[in-house]
């Protein structure tokens, strides 16, 4: 249903819905198809491939890739407090 507007490679069919987890909502599937289509467009492809779906799932699950891996002082403080919370809960 959500993949009707996507261009698929010649000879392939969409088997997205039967393979999706049972807890997936229509909105989750629509978001997945949209992310895959965006990735295919960014790389200049005319059709959405399985790799586009794999990268879309990674992007949805893991979030955006951080370009700057070195946290600034404020981010470090937030991370430290967050991790201290884990330690406190684990020791309780």
N, C-alpha and C. Protein backbone atom coordinates (compact mmCIF):
# COMPACT_ATOMS: atom_id res chain seq x y z
N UNK A 1 0.82 -1.19 0.00
CA UNK A 1 0.00 0.00 0.00
C UNK A 1 0.87 1.26 0.00
N UNK A 2 1.85 1.34 0.91
CA UNK A 2 2.68 2.54 1.00
C UNK A 2 3.72 2.59 -0.11
N UNK A 3 4.04 1.45 -0.68
CA UNK A 3 5.11 1.39 -1.66
C UNK A 3 4.61 1.53 -3.09
N UNK A 4 3.33 1.83 -3.29
CA UNK A 4 2.79 1.92 -4.64
C UNK A 4 3.46 3.00 -5.48
N UNK A 5 3.82 4.14 -4.84
CA UNK A 5 4.40 5.25 -5.59
C UNK A 5 5.90 5.12 -5.80
N UNK A 6 6.54 4.12 -5.17
CA UNK A 6 7.98 3.93 -5.32
C UNK A 6 8.28 3.23 -6.64
N UNK A 7 9.37 3.65 -7.27
CA UNK A 7 9.84 2.98 -8.47
C UNK A 7 10.71 1.80 -8.04
N UNK A 8 10.36 0.61 -8.49
CA UNK A 8 11.11 -0.59 -8.14
C UNK A 8 11.93 -1.02 -9.32
N UNK A 9 13.07 -1.69 -9.10
CA UNK A 9 13.87 -2.19 -10.22
C UNK A 9 13.04 -3.15 -11.07
N UNK A 10 13.39 -3.24 -12.35
CA UNK A 10 12.68 -4.13 -13.29
C UNK A 10 12.69 -5.56 -12.76
N UNK A 11 11.54 -6.21 -12.78
CA UNK A 11 11.42 -7.60 -12.41
C UNK A 11 11.29 -7.86 -10.92
N UNK A 12 11.33 -6.82 -10.11
CA UNK A 12 11.20 -7.04 -8.66
C UNK A 12 9.80 -6.67 -8.22
N UNK A 13 9.43 -7.23 -7.09
CA UNK A 13 8.13 -6.91 -6.50
C UNK A 13 8.34 -6.48 -5.07
N UNK A 14 7.44 -5.72 -4.54
CA UNK A 14 7.53 -5.26 -3.17
C UNK A 14 7.01 -6.33 -2.23
N UNK A 15 7.89 -6.80 -1.34
CA UNK A 15 7.48 -7.76 -0.31
C UNK A 15 7.69 -7.13 1.06
N UNK A 16 7.55 -5.83 1.12
CA UNK A 16 7.82 -5.09 2.35
C UNK A 16 6.84 -5.45 3.46
N UNK A 17 5.57 -5.48 3.16
CA UNK A 17 4.57 -5.68 4.21
C UNK A 17 4.65 -7.05 4.88
N UNK A 18 4.77 -8.16 4.15
CA UNK A 18 4.83 -9.44 4.84
C UNK A 18 6.07 -9.62 5.72
N UNK A 19 7.17 -8.95 5.40
CA UNK A 19 8.39 -9.10 6.15
C UNK A 19 8.51 -8.10 7.30
N UNK A 20 7.64 -7.15 7.36
CA UNK A 20 7.74 -6.14 8.40
C UNK A 20 7.34 -6.73 9.75
N UNK A 21 7.91 -6.20 10.83
CA UNK A 21 7.56 -6.72 12.16
C UNK A 21 6.08 -6.53 12.46
N UNK A 22 5.48 -7.41 13.24
CA UNK A 22 4.05 -7.31 13.52
C UNK A 22 3.66 -6.04 14.26
N UNK A 23 4.59 -5.44 14.99
CA UNK A 23 4.28 -4.22 15.75
C UNK A 23 4.35 -2.96 14.89
N UNK A 24 4.73 -3.09 13.63
CA UNK A 24 4.84 -1.92 12.77
C UNK A 24 3.46 -1.35 12.44
N UNK A 25 3.35 -0.05 12.59
CA UNK A 25 2.10 0.61 12.23
C UNK A 25 2.18 1.07 10.78
N UNK A 26 1.05 1.51 10.26
CA UNK A 26 1.05 2.06 8.90
C UNK A 26 1.98 3.25 8.80
N UNK A 27 2.00 4.08 9.84
CA UNK A 27 2.88 5.26 9.84
C UNK A 27 4.35 4.84 9.81
N UNK A 28 4.71 3.77 10.55
CA UNK A 28 6.09 3.27 10.54
C UNK A 28 6.49 2.81 9.14
N UNK A 29 5.61 2.08 8.50
CA UNK A 29 5.90 1.59 7.15
C UNK A 29 5.99 2.73 6.14
N UNK A 30 5.10 3.71 6.28
CA UNK A 30 5.14 4.87 5.38
C UNK A 30 6.45 5.63 5.57
N UNK A 31 6.89 5.77 6.81
CA UNK A 31 8.15 6.46 7.09
C UNK A 31 9.32 5.68 6.50
N UNK A 32 9.30 4.36 6.61
CA UNK A 32 10.36 3.52 6.06
C UNK A 32 10.45 3.67 4.54
N UNK A 33 9.31 3.61 3.88
CA UNK A 33 9.29 3.76 2.42
C UNK A 33 9.78 5.14 2.02
N UNK A 34 9.36 6.17 2.76
CA UNK A 34 9.79 7.54 2.45
C UNK A 34 11.30 7.70 2.61
N UNK A 35 11.84 7.16 3.70
CA UNK A 35 13.29 7.25 3.93
C UNK A 35 14.07 6.52 2.84
N UNK A 36 13.59 5.34 2.45
CA UNK A 36 14.25 4.58 1.39
C UNK A 36 14.21 5.35 0.07
N UNK A 37 13.07 5.94 -0.24
CA UNK A 37 12.94 6.72 -1.48
C UNK A 37 13.85 7.94 -1.44
N UNK A 38 13.95 8.59 -0.29
CA UNK A 38 14.85 9.74 -0.17
C UNK A 38 16.30 9.32 -0.38
N UNK A 39 16.68 8.20 0.18
CA UNK A 39 18.06 7.72 0.00
C UNK A 39 18.33 7.42 -1.46
N UNK A 40 17.39 6.76 -2.13
CA UNK A 40 17.56 6.45 -3.55
C UNK A 40 17.70 7.73 -4.36
N UNK A 41 16.91 8.74 -4.02
CA UNK A 41 16.97 10.02 -4.73
C UNK A 41 18.32 10.70 -4.51
N UNK A 42 18.81 10.67 -3.27
CA UNK A 42 20.10 11.32 -2.96
C UNK A 42 21.25 10.69 -3.74
N UNK A 43 21.17 9.39 -3.98
CA UNK A 43 22.26 8.75 -4.71
C UNK A 43 22.02 8.77 -6.23
N UNK A 44 20.93 9.39 -6.64
CA UNK A 44 20.66 9.58 -8.06
C UNK A 44 20.08 8.36 -8.76
N UNK A 45 19.50 7.45 -8.02
CA UNK A 45 18.93 6.24 -8.60
C UNK A 45 17.53 6.51 -9.15
N UNK A 46 17.14 5.70 -10.10
CA UNK A 46 15.79 5.81 -10.66
C UNK A 46 14.81 4.86 -9.97
N UNK A 47 15.35 3.93 -9.16
CA UNK A 47 14.51 2.96 -8.47
C UNK A 47 15.05 2.73 -7.06
N UNK A 48 14.17 2.30 -6.17
CA UNK A 48 14.53 2.01 -4.80
C UNK A 48 15.04 0.57 -4.71
N UNK A 49 16.19 0.40 -4.06
CA UNK A 49 16.76 -0.95 -3.94
C UNK A 49 16.64 -1.46 -2.51
N UNK A 50 16.98 -2.72 -2.32
CA UNK A 50 16.97 -3.31 -0.98
C UNK A 50 17.96 -2.59 -0.08
N UNK A 51 19.09 -2.17 -0.63
CA UNK A 51 20.09 -1.42 0.16
C UNK A 51 19.50 -0.11 0.68
N UNK A 52 18.66 0.53 -0.11
CA UNK A 52 18.02 1.76 0.34
C UNK A 52 17.14 1.49 1.56
N UNK A 53 16.46 0.35 1.55
CA UNK A 53 15.61 0.01 2.70
C UNK A 53 16.45 -0.32 3.93
N UNK A 54 17.57 -1.00 3.73
CA UNK A 54 18.45 -1.33 4.86
C UNK A 54 18.97 -0.03 5.49
N UNK A 55 19.42 0.90 4.66
CA UNK A 55 19.92 2.17 5.18
C UNK A 55 18.80 2.99 5.82
N UNK A 56 17.59 2.89 5.29
CA UNK A 56 16.45 3.60 5.88
C UNK A 56 16.14 3.04 7.26
N UNK A 57 16.19 1.72 7.40
CA UNK A 57 15.95 1.11 8.72
C UNK A 57 17.01 1.56 9.71
N UNK A 58 18.28 1.56 9.28
CA UNK A 58 19.35 2.02 10.16
C UNK A 58 19.14 3.47 10.58
N UNK A 59 18.72 4.29 9.65
CA UNK A 59 18.53 5.71 9.96
C UNK A 59 17.36 5.90 10.93
N UNK A 60 16.31 5.13 10.75
CA UNK A 60 15.14 5.25 11.64
C UNK A 60 15.49 4.73 13.03
N UNK A 61 16.17 3.59 13.10
CA UNK A 61 16.48 2.99 14.39
C UNK A 61 17.58 3.75 15.12
N UNK A 62 18.66 4.08 14.42
CA UNK A 62 19.82 4.70 15.06
C UNK A 62 19.79 6.22 15.02
N UNK A 63 18.97 6.80 14.19
CA UNK A 63 18.93 8.25 14.08
C UNK A 63 19.95 8.76 13.07
N UNK A 64 20.03 10.08 12.98
CA UNK A 64 20.94 10.69 12.03
C UNK A 64 22.39 10.46 12.44
N UNK A 65 23.24 10.33 11.44
CA UNK A 65 24.66 10.18 11.70
C UNK A 65 25.23 11.52 12.16
N UNK A 66 25.98 11.48 13.25
CA UNK A 66 26.61 12.71 13.73
C UNK A 66 27.89 12.94 12.95
N UNK A 67 28.01 14.11 12.37
CA UNK A 67 29.20 14.44 11.60
C UNK A 67 30.35 14.82 12.53
N UNK A 68 30.02 15.47 13.65
CA UNK A 68 31.03 15.91 14.59
C UNK A 68 31.02 14.95 15.77
N UNK A 69 32.02 14.10 15.88
CA UNK A 69 32.05 13.07 16.91
C UNK A 69 32.56 13.58 18.26
N UNK A 70 33.12 14.77 18.32
CA UNK A 70 33.65 15.32 19.56
C UNK A 70 32.58 16.19 20.21
N UNK A 71 32.04 15.74 21.37
CA UNK A 71 30.99 16.54 22.02
C UNK A 71 31.56 17.82 22.62
N UNK A 72 30.77 18.87 22.58
CA UNK A 72 31.19 20.13 23.19
C UNK A 72 31.05 20.00 24.72
N UNK A 73 31.56 20.96 25.48
CA UNK A 73 31.52 20.84 26.95
C UNK A 73 30.11 20.64 27.52
N UNK A 74 29.11 21.32 26.97
CA UNK A 74 27.75 21.16 27.46
C UNK A 74 27.24 19.74 27.21
N UNK A 75 27.49 19.21 25.99
CA UNK A 75 27.08 17.85 25.66
C UNK A 75 27.78 16.83 26.57
N UNK A 76 29.05 17.07 26.87
CA UNK A 76 29.77 16.16 27.76
C UNK A 76 29.12 16.13 29.14
N UNK A 77 28.73 17.30 29.64
CA UNK A 77 28.10 17.38 30.96
C UNK A 77 26.78 16.63 30.96
N UNK A 78 25.99 16.79 29.90
CA UNK A 78 24.71 16.10 29.79
C UNK A 78 24.94 14.59 29.73
N UNK A 79 25.92 14.14 28.96
CA UNK A 79 26.22 12.71 28.84
C UNK A 79 26.65 12.14 30.19
N UNK A 80 27.51 12.87 30.90
CA UNK A 80 27.99 12.40 32.20
C UNK A 80 26.82 12.25 33.17
N UNK A 81 25.94 13.24 33.22
CA UNK A 81 24.78 13.15 34.11
C UNK A 81 23.88 11.98 33.73
N UNK A 82 23.70 11.78 32.45
CA UNK A 82 22.88 10.67 31.97
C UNK A 82 23.48 9.34 32.42
N UNK A 83 24.78 9.16 32.20
CA UNK A 83 25.45 7.91 32.58
C UNK A 83 25.46 7.72 34.09
N UNK A 84 25.58 8.81 34.86
CA UNK A 84 25.51 8.71 36.31
C UNK A 84 24.14 8.18 36.75
N UNK A 85 23.12 8.58 36.03
CA UNK A 85 21.77 8.08 36.31
C UNK A 85 21.70 6.57 36.15
N UNK A 86 22.34 6.04 35.11
CA UNK A 86 22.39 4.60 34.91
C UNK A 86 23.09 3.92 36.09
N UNK A 87 24.23 4.51 36.52
CA UNK A 87 24.99 3.94 37.63
C UNK A 87 24.19 3.93 38.93
N UNK A 88 23.47 5.02 39.18
CA UNK A 88 22.67 5.11 40.41
C UNK A 88 21.55 4.06 40.40
N UNK A 89 20.88 3.92 39.27
CA UNK A 89 19.80 2.94 39.17
C UNK A 89 20.34 1.52 39.31
N UNK A 90 21.50 1.26 38.71
CA UNK A 90 22.08 -0.08 38.78
C UNK A 90 22.51 -0.44 40.20
N UNK A 91 22.95 0.55 40.97
CA UNK A 91 23.41 0.28 42.34
C UNK A 91 22.27 0.15 43.33
N UNK A 92 21.07 0.57 42.94
CA UNK A 92 19.94 0.53 43.87
C UNK A 92 19.35 -0.85 44.04
